[in-house]
Amino acid sequence: MDVEERFSQLASLIGEPARSKMLWNLLDGRAFTATELALMAGVSPQSASMHLNKLVQAELLRVENQGRHRYYQFSSRDVAYAIEAIANLLPNEKPAARENIASNGHIKYCRTCYDHLAGKVGVSITDRLLKNKLIVPVETNYEVTTTGRKWFSQLDIETDELKGQRRTFAKKCLDWSERRHHIAGSLGAALLEKMISDDWIRKTKNSRVIIVTAKGEKKFQDLLGLTV
């Protein structure tokens, strides 16, 4: 089978409505059971199992057995980035419409993008890190400056250790709702973990939506001069 045929098969696999809903919800970064994904996709458990088997066979998902349950999640971060990137093909909305929905508690305002922060807040944080010269753009990635290393260290994020991980350190990820970049990679993941553990932000049940807390609003203002 040539590359064109393989690409066509992969596109058809992802494009099927039930499977695309499952993949979209897996961008939450967590693993879900077939029953949970069936509810998210609006299909029967039997149909969900069939769809999930196809996604596993295509190496888009992997499954982990834990007791009586089987949990599904992306096979790699690259798959998550690819699914998020597809959303960039959605038609852009009129400015007035975007202003009405870009508020705390909405997916376009603040959400998880697999293991890092996205949406208006994620992009705004990246913008401030750039403006304050804590990071600088380098082709498709970001590099942390000397000042930035000290700043991140104050948050107990050791950038030298993160660079030693077997993954991209600070990747530019194009945000589908803002049409600008936010930080992915090990640095983006560390930032998200820090913000959640210190209660600057909170996850919502069964959703990728992130809520910015009052504590988080103050921290963003104090540390970055950012009003959210």
C-alpha atoms as a PDB file:
ATOM      1  CA  MET A   1       0.000   0.000   0.000  1.00  0.00           C
ATOM      2  CA  ASP A   2       1.428   3.373  -1.001  1.00  0.00           C
ATOM      3  CA  VAL A   3       1.521   6.516   1.151  1.00  0.00           C
ATOM      4  CA  GLU A   4      -1.504   8.078  -0.562  1.00  0.00           C
ATOM      5  CA  GLU A   5      -3.710   5.075   0.212  1.00  0.00           C
ATOM      6  CA  ARG A   6      -2.459   4.876   3.803  1.00  0.00           C
ATOM      7  CA  PHE A   7      -3.163   8.579   4.307  1.00  0.00           C
ATOM      8  CA  SER A   8      -6.667   8.162   2.846  1.00  0.00           C
ATOM      9  CA  GLN A   9      -7.389   5.284   5.219  1.00  0.00           C
ATOM     10  CA  LEU A  10      -6.109   7.243   8.210  1.00  0.00           C
ATOM     11  CA  ALA A  11      -8.177  10.313   7.279  1.00  0.00           C
ATOM     12  CA  SER A  12     -11.309   8.151   6.930  1.00  0.00           C
ATOM     13  CA  LEU A  13     -10.570   6.515  10.277  1.00  0.00           C
ATOM     14  CA  ILE A  14     -10.290   9.842  12.096  1.00  0.00           C
ATOM     15  CA  GLY A  15     -13.144  11.473  10.203  1.00  0.00           C
ATOM     16  CA  GLU A  16     -15.861   9.008  11.212  1.00  0.00           C
ATOM     17  CA  PRO A  17     -18.201  11.027  13.550  1.00  0.00           C
ATOM     18  CA  ALA A  18     -18.173   8.695  16.568  1.00  0.00           C
ATOM     19  CA  ARG A  19     -14.420   8.154  16.425  1.00  0.00           C
ATOM     20  CA  SER A  20     -13.717  11.871  15.961  1.00  0.00           C
ATOM     21  CA  LYS A  21     -15.763  12.644  19.104  1.00  0.00           C
ATOM     22  CA  MET A  22     -13.808  10.055  21.057  1.00  0.00           C
ATOM     23  CA  LEU A  23     -10.486  11.484  19.870  1.00  0.00           C
ATOM     24  CA  TRP A  24     -11.604  15.026  20.681  1.00  0.00           C
ATOM     25  CA  ASN A  25     -12.530  14.075  24.242  1.00  0.00           C
ATOM     26  CA  LEU A  26      -9.250  12.223  24.755  1.00  0.00           C
ATOM     27  CA  LEU A  27      -7.514  15.591  24.360  1.00  0.00           C
ATOM     28  CA  ASP A  28      -8.427  15.988  28.017  1.00  0.00           C
ATOM     29  CA  GLY A  29      -5.190  14.099  28.673  1.00  0.00           C
ATOM     30  CA  ARG A  30      -6.862  11.410  30.767  1.00  0.00           C
ATOM     31  CA  ALA A  31      -7.567   7.781  29.944  1.00  0.00           C
ATOM     32  CA  PHE A  32     -11.201   6.694  29.587  1.00  0.00           C
ATOM     33  CA  THR A  33     -13.042   3.375  29.490  1.00  0.00           C
ATOM     34  CA  ALA A  34     -14.999   2.222  26.454  1.00  0.00           C
ATOM     35  CA  THR A  35     -18.242   2.902  28.345  1.00  0.00           C
ATOM     36  CA  GLU A  36     -17.228   6.501  29.066  1.00  0.00           C
ATOM     37  CA  LEU A  37     -16.157   7.088  25.476  1.00  0.00           C
ATOM     38  CA  ALA A  38     -19.395   5.542  24.227  1.00  0.00           C
ATOM     39  CA  LEU A  39     -21.374   8.123  26.210  1.00  0.00           C
ATOM     40  CA  MET A  40     -19.187  10.936  24.886  1.00  0.00           C
ATOM     41  CA  ALA A  41     -19.662   9.757  21.306  1.00  0.00           C
ATOM     42  CA  GLY A  42     -23.356   8.988  21.686  1.00  0.00           C
ATOM     43  CA  VAL A  43     -23.056   5.353  20.556  1.00  0.00           C
ATOM     44  CA  SER A  44     -23.754   1.961  22.100  1.00  0.00           C
ATOM     45  CA  PRO A  45     -21.008   0.177  24.093  1.00  0.00           C
ATOM     46  CA  GLN A  46     -20.793  -2.486  21.376  1.00  0.00           C
ATOM     47  CA  SER A  47     -20.327   0.143  18.665  1.00  0.00           C
ATOM     48  CA  ALA A  48     -17.757   1.979  20.807  1.00  0.00           C
ATOM     49  CA  SER A  49     -15.699  -1.207  21.224  1.00  0.00           C
ATOM     50  CA  MET A  50     -15.626  -1.684  17.458  1.00  0.00           C
ATOM     51  CA  HIS A  51     -14.492   1.901  16.870  1.00  0.00           C
ATOM     52  CA  LEU A  52     -11.870   1.726  19.614  1.00  0.00           C
ATOM     53  CA  ASN A  53     -10.430  -1.511  18.258  1.00  0.00           C
ATOM     54  CA  LYS A  54      -9.907   0.180  14.896  1.00  0.00           C
ATOM     55  CA  LEU A  55      -8.166   3.141  16.524  1.00  0.00           C
ATOM     56  CA  VAL A  56      -5.897   0.817  18.516  1.00  0.00           C
ATOM     57  CA  GLN A  57      -5.056  -1.237  15.418  1.00  0.00           C
ATOM     58  CA  ALA A  58      -4.141   1.995  13.608  1.00  0.00           C
ATOM     59  CA  GLU A  59      -1.831   2.841  16.562  1.00  0.00           C
ATOM     60  CA  LEU A  60      -3.680   6.078  17.280  1.00  0.00           C
ATOM     61  CA  LEU A  61      -4.711   4.810  20.701  1.00  0.00           C
ATOM     62  CA  ARG A  62      -3.278   2.407  23.230  1.00  0.00           C
ATOM     63  CA  VAL A  63      -5.175   0.458  25.847  1.00  0.00           C
ATOM     64  CA  GLU A  64      -4.167  -0.348  29.407  1.00  0.00           C
ATOM     65  CA  ASN A  65      -5.765  -3.058  31.509  1.00  0.00           C
ATOM     66  CA  GLN A  66      -6.396  -2.228  35.138  1.00  0.00           C
ATOM     67  CA  GLY A  67      -8.396  -4.775  37.053  1.00  0.00           C
ATOM     68  CA  ARG A  68     -11.632  -5.436  35.176  1.00  0.00           C
ATOM     69  CA  HIS A  69     -11.382  -2.195  33.209  1.00  0.00           C
ATOM     70  CA  ARG A  70      -9.639  -1.262  29.974  1.00  0.00           C
ATOM     71  CA  TYR A  71      -8.537   2.365  29.662  1.00  0.00           C
ATOM     72  CA  TYR A  72      -7.919   4.062  26.328  1.00  0.00           C
ATOM     73  CA  GLN A  73      -5.656   7.024  25.640  1.00  0.00           C
ATOM     74  CA  PHE A  74      -3.532   8.463  22.838  1.00  0.00           C
ATOM     75  CA  SER A  75      -0.635   6.271  21.781  1.00  0.00           C
ATOM     76  CA  SER A  76       1.675   9.316  21.711  1.00  0.00           C
ATOM     77  CA  ARG A  77       1.710  13.076  22.143  1.00  0.00           C
ATOM     78  CA  ASP A  78       2.103  13.434  18.393  1.00  0.00           C
ATOM     79  CA  VAL A  79      -1.369  11.975  17.919  1.00  0.00           C
ATOM     80  CA  ALA A  80      -2.792  14.510  20.375  1.00  0.00           C
ATOM     81  CA  TYR A  81      -1.054  17.388  18.581  1.00  0.00           C
ATOM     82  CA  ALA A  82      -2.390  16.147  15.241  1.00  0.00           C
ATOM     83  CA  ILE A  83      -5.988  15.969  16.502  1.00  0.00           C
ATOM     84  CA  GLU A  84      -5.752  19.450  18.033  1.00  0.00           C
ATOM     85  CA  ALA A  85      -4.224  20.782  14.805  1.00  0.00           C
ATOM     86  CA  ILE A  86      -7.193  19.546  12.761  1.00  0.00           C
ATOM     87  CA  ALA A  87      -9.358  21.976  14.708  1.00  0.00           C
ATOM     88  CA  ASN A  88      -7.373  24.819  13.145  1.00  0.00           C
ATOM     89  CA  LEU A  89      -9.262  24.047   9.926  1.00  0.00           C
ATOM     90  CA  LEU A  90     -12.513  25.191  11.560  1.00  0.00           C
ATOM     91  CA  PRO A  91     -13.783  28.476  10.051  1.00  0.00           C
ATOM     92  CA  ASN A  92     -12.848  31.492  12.119  1.00  0.00           C
ATOM     93  CA  GLU A  93     -15.679  33.296  13.861  1.00  0.00           C
ATOM     94  CA  LYS A  94     -16.592  36.948  13.658  1.00  0.00           C
ATOM     95  CA  PRO A  95     -14.899  39.060  16.386  1.00  0.00           C
ATOM     96  CA  ALA A  96     -18.199  39.975  18.048  1.00  0.00           C
ATOM     97  CA  ALA A  97     -19.187  36.348  18.406  1.00  0.00           C
ATOM     98  CA  ARG A  98     -15.800  35.417  19.873  1.00  0.00           C
ATOM     99  CA  GLU A  99     -15.970  38.170  22.478  1.00  0.00           C
ATOM    100  CA  ASN A 100     -19.314  36.862  23.714  1.00  0.00           C
ATOM    101  CA  ILE A 101     -18.005  33.369  24.414  1.00  0.00           C
ATOM    102  CA  ALA A 102     -14.429  34.072  25.570  1.00  0.00           C
ATOM    103  CA  SER A 103     -15.230  34.082  29.297  1.00  0.00           C
ATOM    104  CA  ASN A 104     -14.135  32.011  32.278  1.00  0.00           C
ATOM    105  CA  GLY A 105     -15.718  28.568  32.096  1.00  0.00           C
ATOM    106  CA  HIS A 106     -15.778  28.278  28.305  1.00  0.00           C
ATOM    107  CA  ILE A 107     -13.580  25.905  26.322  1.00  0.00           C
ATOM    108  CA  LYS A 108     -12.232  28.708  24.118  1.00  0.00           C
ATOM    109  CA  TYR A 109     -11.248  30.763  27.152  1.00  0.00           C
ATOM    110  CA  CYS A 110      -9.177  28.152  28.974  1.00  0.00           C
ATOM    111  CA  ARG A 111      -8.835  24.428  28.356  1.00  0.00           C
ATOM    112  CA  THR A 112      -6.389  21.566  28.392  1.00  0.00           C
ATOM    113  CA  CYS A 113      -4.698  20.628  25.140  1.00  0.00           C
ATOM    114  CA  TYR A 114      -3.641  17.109  26.120  1.00  0.00           C
ATOM    115  CA  ASP A 115      -1.034  17.849  28.841  1.00  0.00           C
ATOM    116  CA  HIS A 116      -0.703  21.636  28.577  1.00  0.00           C
ATOM    117  CA  LEU A 117      -2.825  24.791  28.770  1.00  0.00           C
ATOM    118  CA  ALA A 118      -4.591  26.250  25.747  1.00  0.00           C
ATOM    119  CA  GLY A 119      -7.280  28.756  24.828  1.00  0.00           C
ATOM    120  CA  LYS A 120      -7.192  32.499  25.416  1.00  0.00           C
ATOM    121  CA  VAL A 121      -5.472  32.101  28.786  1.00  0.00           C
ATOM    122  CA  GLY A 122      -2.821  29.706  27.451  1.00  0.00           C
ATOM    123  CA  VAL A 123      -1.973  32.027  24.572  1.00  0.00           C
ATOM    124  CA  SER A 124      -1.962  35.091  26.859  1.00  0.00           C
ATOM    125  CA  ILE A 125       0.496  33.409  29.246  1.00  0.00           C
ATOM    126  CA  THR A 126       2.786  32.591  26.327  1.00  0.00           C
ATOM    127  CA  ASP A 127       2.542  36.183  25.080  1.00  0.00           C
ATOM    128  CA  ARG A 128       3.551  37.489  28.506  1.00  0.00           C
ATOM    129  CA  LEU A 129       6.462  35.074  28.803  1.00  0.00           C
ATOM    130  CA  LEU A 130       7.683  36.395  25.445  1.00  0.00           C
ATOM    131  CA  LYS A 131       7.086  40.049  26.309  1.00  0.00           C
ATOM    132  CA  ASN A 132       8.919  39.680  29.629  1.00  0.00           C
ATOM    133  CA  LYS A 133      11.803  37.970  27.769  1.00  0.00           C
ATOM    134  CA  LEU A 134      11.479  34.806  29.831  1.00  0.00           C
ATOM    135  CA  ILE A 135      11.298  32.771  26.638  1.00  0.00           C
ATOM    136  CA  VAL A 136      12.278  33.496  23.032  1.00  0.00           C
ATOM    137  CA  PRO A 137      10.988  31.891  19.799  1.00  0.00           C
ATOM    138  CA  VAL A 138      13.395  29.634  17.917  1.00  0.00           C
ATOM    139  CA  GLU A 139      11.864  28.241  14.710  1.00  0.00           C
ATOM    140  CA  THR A 140       9.083  25.839  15.794  1.00  0.00           C
ATOM    141  CA  ASN A 141      10.056  25.881  19.475  1.00  0.00           C
ATOM    142  CA  TYR A 142      10.807  28.223  22.365  1.00  0.00           C
ATOM    143  CA  GLU A 143      13.992  28.609  24.374  1.00  0.00           C
ATOM    144  CA  VAL A 144      14.153  29.782  27.973  1.00  0.00           C
ATOM    145  CA  THR A 145      16.407  32.769  28.662  1.00  0.00           C
ATOM    146  CA  THR A 146      18.747  33.094  31.650  1.00  0.00           C
ATOM    147  CA  THR A 147      16.153  35.326  33.327  1.00  0.00           C
ATOM    148  CA  GLY A 148      13.509  32.774  32.432  1.00  0.00           C
ATOM    149  CA  ARG A 149      15.408  29.916  34.079  1.00  0.00           C
ATOM    150  CA  LYS A 150      15.452  31.860  37.343  1.00  0.00           C
ATOM    151  CA  TRP A 151      11.774  32.752  36.998  1.00  0.00           C
ATOM    152  CA  PHE A 152      10.720  29.152  36.390  1.00  0.00           C
ATOM    153  CA  SER A 153      12.984  27.946  39.209  1.00  0.00           C
ATOM    154  CA  GLN A 154      11.032  30.171  41.617  1.00  0.00           C
ATOM    155  CA  LEU A 155       7.994  28.113  40.633  1.00  0.00           C
ATOM    156  CA  ASP A 156       9.920  24.877  41.348  1.00  0.00           C
ATOM    157  CA  ILE A 157      10.159  24.187  37.613  1.00  0.00           C
ATOM    158  CA  GLU A 158      13.746  23.234  36.797  1.00  0.00           C
ATOM    159  CA  THR A 159      14.153  23.769  33.064  1.00  0.00           C
ATOM    160  CA  ASP A 160      17.488  21.945  32.816  1.00  0.00           C
ATOM    161  CA  GLU A 161      15.847  18.793  34.158  1.00  0.00           C
ATOM    162  CA  LEU A 162      12.956  19.141  31.717  1.00  0.00           C
ATOM    163  CA  LYS A 163      15.390  19.416  28.817  1.00  0.00           C
ATOM    164  CA  GLY A 164      16.785  16.029  29.822  1.00  0.00           C
ATOM    165  CA  GLN A 165      13.455  14.329  29.177  1.00  0.00           C
ATOM    166  CA  ARG A 166      12.941  12.318  25.995  1.00  0.00           C
ATOM    167  CA  ARG A 167      10.458  14.754  24.475  1.00  0.00           C
ATOM    168  CA  THR A 168      10.369  18.248  23.003  1.00  0.00           C
ATOM    169  CA  PHE A 169      11.207  20.821  25.681  1.00  0.00           C
ATOM    170  CA  ALA A 170       9.071  23.817  24.640  1.00  0.00           C
ATOM    171  CA  LYS A 171       7.060  23.345  21.463  1.00  0.00           C
ATOM    172  CA  LYS A 172       4.970  25.952  19.646  1.00  0.00           C
ATOM    173  CA  CYS A 173       1.417  24.599  19.450  1.00  0.00           C
ATOM    174  CA  LEU A 174      -1.025  26.493  17.247  1.00  0.00           C
ATOM    175  CA  ASP A 175      -4.182  27.264  19.204  1.00  0.00           C
ATOM    176  CA  TRP A 176      -7.316  26.470  17.162  1.00  0.00           C
ATOM    177  CA  SER A 177      -9.506  29.079  18.869  1.00  0.00           C
ATOM    178  CA  GLU A 178      -6.981  31.926  19.153  1.00  0.00           C
ATOM    179  CA  ARG A 179      -5.065  31.139  15.927  1.00  0.00           C
ATOM    180  CA  ARG A 180      -1.806  31.888  17.718  1.00  0.00           C
ATOM    181  CA  HIS A 181       0.701  29.758  19.593  1.00  0.00           C
ATOM    182  CA  HIS A 182       0.767  28.472  23.132  1.00  0.00           C
ATOM    183  CA  ILE A 183       3.492  26.401  24.837  1.00  0.00           C
ATOM    184  CA  ALA A 184       3.449  22.622  24.612  1.00  0.00           C
ATOM    185  CA  GLY A 185       6.194  20.107  25.369  1.00  0.00           C
ATOM    186  CA  SER A 186       7.643  19.259  28.759  1.00  0.00           C
ATOM    187  CA  LEU A 187       7.694  22.932  29.814  1.00  0.00           C
ATOM    188  CA  GLY A 188       4.022  23.400  28.955  1.00  0.00           C
ATOM    189  CA  ALA A 189       3.156  20.221  30.854  1.00  0.00           C
ATOM    190  CA  ALA A 190       5.141  21.350  33.903  1.00  0.00           C
ATOM    191  CA  LEU A 191       3.376  24.719  33.898  1.00  0.00           C
ATOM    192  CA  LEU A 192      -0.042  23.078  33.772  1.00  0.00           C
ATOM    193  CA  GLU A 193       0.863  20.702  36.607  1.00  0.00           C
ATOM    194  CA  LYS A 194       2.120  23.612  38.735  1.00  0.00           C
ATOM    195  CA  MET A 195      -1.011  25.697  38.145  1.00  0.00           C
ATOM    196  CA  ILE A 196      -3.325  22.816  39.041  1.00  0.00           C
ATOM    197  CA  SER A 197      -1.365  21.688  42.121  1.00  0.00           C
ATOM    198  CA  ASP A 198      -1.265  25.255  43.491  1.00  0.00           C
ATOM    199  CA  ASP A 199      -4.977  25.821  42.705  1.00  0.00           C
ATOM    200  CA  TRP A 200      -4.465  28.647  40.219  1.00  0.00           C
ATOM    201  CA  ILE A 201      -6.725  26.727  37.902  1.00  0.00           C
ATOM    202  CA  ARG A 202      -9.138  23.811  38.264  1.00  0.00           C
ATOM    203  CA  LYS A 203     -10.270  21.070  35.936  1.00  0.00           C
ATOM    204  CA  THR A 204     -13.983  20.516  35.408  1.00  0.00           C
ATOM    205  CA  LYS A 205     -15.604  17.077  35.452  1.00  0.00           C
ATOM    206  CA  ASN A 206     -15.916  15.312  32.103  1.00  0.00           C
ATOM    207  CA  SER A 207     -14.650  18.335  30.199  1.00  0.00           C
ATOM    208  CA  ARG A 208     -11.472  19.941  28.905  1.00  0.00           C
ATOM    209  CA  VAL A 209     -12.658  23.289  30.287  1.00  0.00           C
ATOM    210  CA  ILE A 210     -10.368  24.867  32.888  1.00  0.00           C
ATOM    211  CA  ILE A 211     -11.583  27.380  35.467  1.00  0.00           C
ATOM    212  CA  VAL A 212      -9.224  30.154  36.578  1.00  0.00           C
ATOM    213  CA  THR A 213      -9.547  30.648  40.345  1.00  0.00           C
ATOM    214  CA  ALA A 214      -9.351  33.938  42.261  1.00  0.00           C
ATOM    215  CA  LYS A 215      -5.934  32.814  43.497  1.00  0.00           C
ATOM    216  CA  GLY A 216      -4.879  32.188  39.910  1.00  0.00           C
ATOM    217  CA  GLU A 217      -6.031  35.641  38.796  1.00  0.00           C
ATOM    218  CA  LYS A 218      -3.823  37.201  41.485  1.00  0.00           C
ATOM    219  CA  LYS A 219      -0.838  34.970  40.661  1.00  0.00           C
ATOM    220  CA  PHE A 220      -1.017  35.752  36.941  1.00  0.00           C
ATOM    221  CA  GLN A 221      -1.102  39.454  37.751  1.00  0.00           C
ATOM    222  CA  ASP A 222       1.736  39.292  40.298  1.00  0.00           C
ATOM    223  CA  LEU A 223       4.046  37.018  38.287  1.00  0.00           C
ATOM    224  CA  LEU A 224       3.353  38.108  34.723  1.00  0.00           C
ATOM    225  CA  GLY A 225       1.404  41.362  34.904  1.00  0.00           C
ATOM    226  CA  LEU A 226      -1.409  39.475  33.200  1.00  0.00           C
ATOM    227  CA  THR A 227      -5.082  40.187  33.822  1.00  0.00           C
ATOM    228  CA  VAL A 228      -7.358  37.224  33.036  1.00  0.00           C
END
